[in-house]
Amino acid sequence: MGLFEVDEARAELARLLPVLDEIVLLRAEAAEVQAALAGGPATPLGGLPELKAAHARLDDLMAQVQATGAELKGIAPLLVDFPSELDGVPVLLCWLEGDRELAWYHRTDLGFAGRRRLPS
């Protein structure tokens, strides 16, 4: 896959938001079921079969994200990067769980610690 223009990455993110929202929900549900199975409080979400189903669905959803050319960098919190270039410099357009738009980037050599707002 190639590089994303900022507008292309924003359009792809808009298409992916329902998938990303489902990942966040399933991640939380799987954690609750996992805790119950480990001896924590019971949950109405089910048991081992539901946990296995949640993990399978999470795998499918994460594959959908990566099939776009975006890079899934973290699951908790959910972090997705879109390879790009700004002024000839390799960057990753950076979306973090909770964001509703793509407004951040960081140079590839700096990582998340170098995260900055995209220029207007």
Protein backbone atom coordinates (compact mmCIF):
# COMPACT_ATOMS: atom_id res chain seq x y z
CA MET A 1 0.00 0.00 0.00
CA GLY A 2 1.11 3.52 -0.66
CA LEU A 3 1.03 6.77 1.19
CA PHE A 4 -2.16 8.55 2.15
CA GLU A 5 -2.86 12.17 1.32
CA VAL A 6 -4.40 13.90 4.37
CA ASP A 7 -7.85 14.08 2.70
CA GLU A 8 -7.65 10.39 1.73
CA ALA A 9 -6.72 9.38 5.28
CA ARG A 10 -9.56 11.46 6.70
CA ALA A 11 -12.04 9.81 4.30
CA GLU A 12 -10.71 6.35 5.18
CA LEU A 13 -10.98 7.13 8.89
CA ALA A 14 -14.59 8.24 8.43
CA ARG A 15 -15.33 4.84 6.84
CA LEU A 16 -13.42 3.04 9.62
CA LEU A 17 -15.00 4.80 12.61
CA PRO A 18 -17.82 2.21 12.98
CA VAL A 19 -15.20 -0.57 12.88
CA LEU A 20 -13.01 1.23 15.41
CA ASP A 21 -16.00 1.85 17.69
CA GLU A 22 -16.84 -1.87 17.56
CA ILE A 23 -13.24 -2.77 18.41
CA VAL A 24 -13.41 -0.54 21.52
CA LEU A 25 -16.71 -2.11 22.59
CA LEU A 26 -15.58 -5.71 22.00
CA ARG A 27 -12.26 -5.06 23.75
CA ALA A 28 -14.13 -3.93 26.87
CA GLU A 29 -16.57 -6.84 26.75
CA ALA A 30 -13.76 -9.36 26.26
CA ALA A 31 -11.89 -7.89 29.24
CA GLU A 32 -15.01 -8.22 31.41
CA VAL A 33 -15.59 -11.84 30.40
CA GLN A 34 -11.88 -12.63 30.86
CA ALA A 35 -12.00 -11.17 34.39
CA ALA A 36 -15.10 -13.23 35.22
CA LEU A 37 -13.43 -16.39 33.95
CA ALA A 38 -10.40 -15.62 36.12
CA GLY A 39 -12.57 -15.64 39.25
CA GLY A 40 -13.86 -12.08 39.21
CA PRO A 41 -17.49 -11.03 39.47
CA ALA A 42 -19.90 -12.86 37.18
CA THR A 43 -20.95 -11.08 34.01
CA PRO A 44 -24.12 -11.33 31.93
CA LEU A 45 -21.89 -11.19 28.83
CA GLY A 46 -21.25 -14.94 28.92
CA GLY A 47 -18.30 -17.23 29.34
CA LEU A 48 -15.57 -18.92 27.36
CA PRO A 49 -17.59 -19.37 24.12
CA GLU A 50 -18.44 -15.66 24.08
CA LEU A 51 -14.83 -14.73 24.83
CA LYS A 52 -13.61 -16.85 21.92
CA ALA A 53 -16.24 -15.29 19.65
CA ALA A 54 -15.21 -11.79 20.74
CA HIS A 55 -11.55 -12.54 20.03
CA ALA A 56 -12.41 -13.93 16.60
CA ARG A 57 -14.47 -10.84 15.78
CA LEU A 58 -11.69 -8.56 17.05
CA ASP A 59 -9.22 -10.34 14.77
CA ASP A 60 -11.58 -9.80 11.83
CA LEU A 61 -12.09 -6.12 12.63
CA MET A 62 -8.36 -5.49 13.06
CA ALA A 63 -7.72 -7.18 9.71
CA GLN A 64 -10.28 -4.83 8.12
CA VAL A 65 -8.37 -1.84 9.48
CA GLN A 66 -5.02 -3.11 8.25
CA ALA A 67 -6.42 -4.02 4.81
CA THR A 68 -6.89 -0.29 4.15
CA GLY A 69 -3.15 0.35 4.41
CA ALA A 70 -3.52 1.92 7.84
CA GLU A 71 -1.30 0.61 10.63
CA LEU A 72 -2.90 -0.62 13.83
CA LYS A 73 -0.34 0.42 16.45
CA GLY A 74 -2.15 -0.26 19.70
CA ILE A 75 -5.30 -1.88 21.01
CA ALA A 76 -5.60 -0.30 24.48
CA PRO A 77 -5.81 2.54 23.79
CA LEU A 78 -6.67 1.99 20.15
CA LEU A 79 -4.11 3.75 17.94
CA VAL A 80 -4.16 3.85 14.14
CA ASP A 81 -1.54 5.48 11.89
CA PHE A 82 -1.84 6.35 8.22
CA PRO A 83 1.54 6.53 6.41
CA SER A 84 1.94 9.88 4.68
CA GLU A 85 4.32 12.71 3.84
CA LEU A 86 4.22 16.35 4.87
CA ASP A 87 6.54 18.74 3.03
CA GLY A 88 8.60 15.76 1.82
CA VAL A 89 9.06 14.36 5.35
CA PRO A 90 7.78 10.84 6.12
CA VAL A 91 5.05 11.07 8.77
CA LEU A 92 2.27 9.02 10.24
CA LEU A 93 -1.16 10.64 10.41
CA CYS A 94 -2.17 9.60 13.88
CA TRP A 95 -5.64 8.71 15.21
CA LEU A 96 -6.07 7.89 18.90
CA GLU A 97 -9.12 6.32 20.52
CA GLY A 98 -11.52 9.07 21.50
CA ASP A 99 -10.68 11.27 18.51
CA ARG A 100 -13.56 11.73 16.06
CA GLU A 101 -11.37 13.15 13.30
CA LEU A 102 -7.83 12.87 12.03
CA ALA A 103 -6.05 15.97 13.35
CA TRP A 104 -2.60 14.76 14.48
CA TYR A 105 0.65 13.48 12.96
CA HIS A 106 4.16 12.59 14.00
CA ARG A 107 7.38 12.07 12.10
CA THR A 108 8.18 8.41 11.62
CA ASP A 109 11.50 8.81 13.44
CA LEU A 110 9.92 10.46 16.51
CA GLY A 111 6.98 8.18 17.21
CA PHE A 112 4.00 9.11 19.35
CA ALA A 113 6.11 11.35 21.61
CA GLY A 114 6.53 13.72 18.64
CA ARG A 115 2.78 13.97 18.01
CA ARG A 116 1.66 17.39 16.69
CA ARG A 117 -1.55 18.91 15.33
CA LEU A 118 -1.88 18.82 11.56
CA PRO A 119 -1.46 22.24 9.98
CA SER A 120 -4.73 23.87 8.92
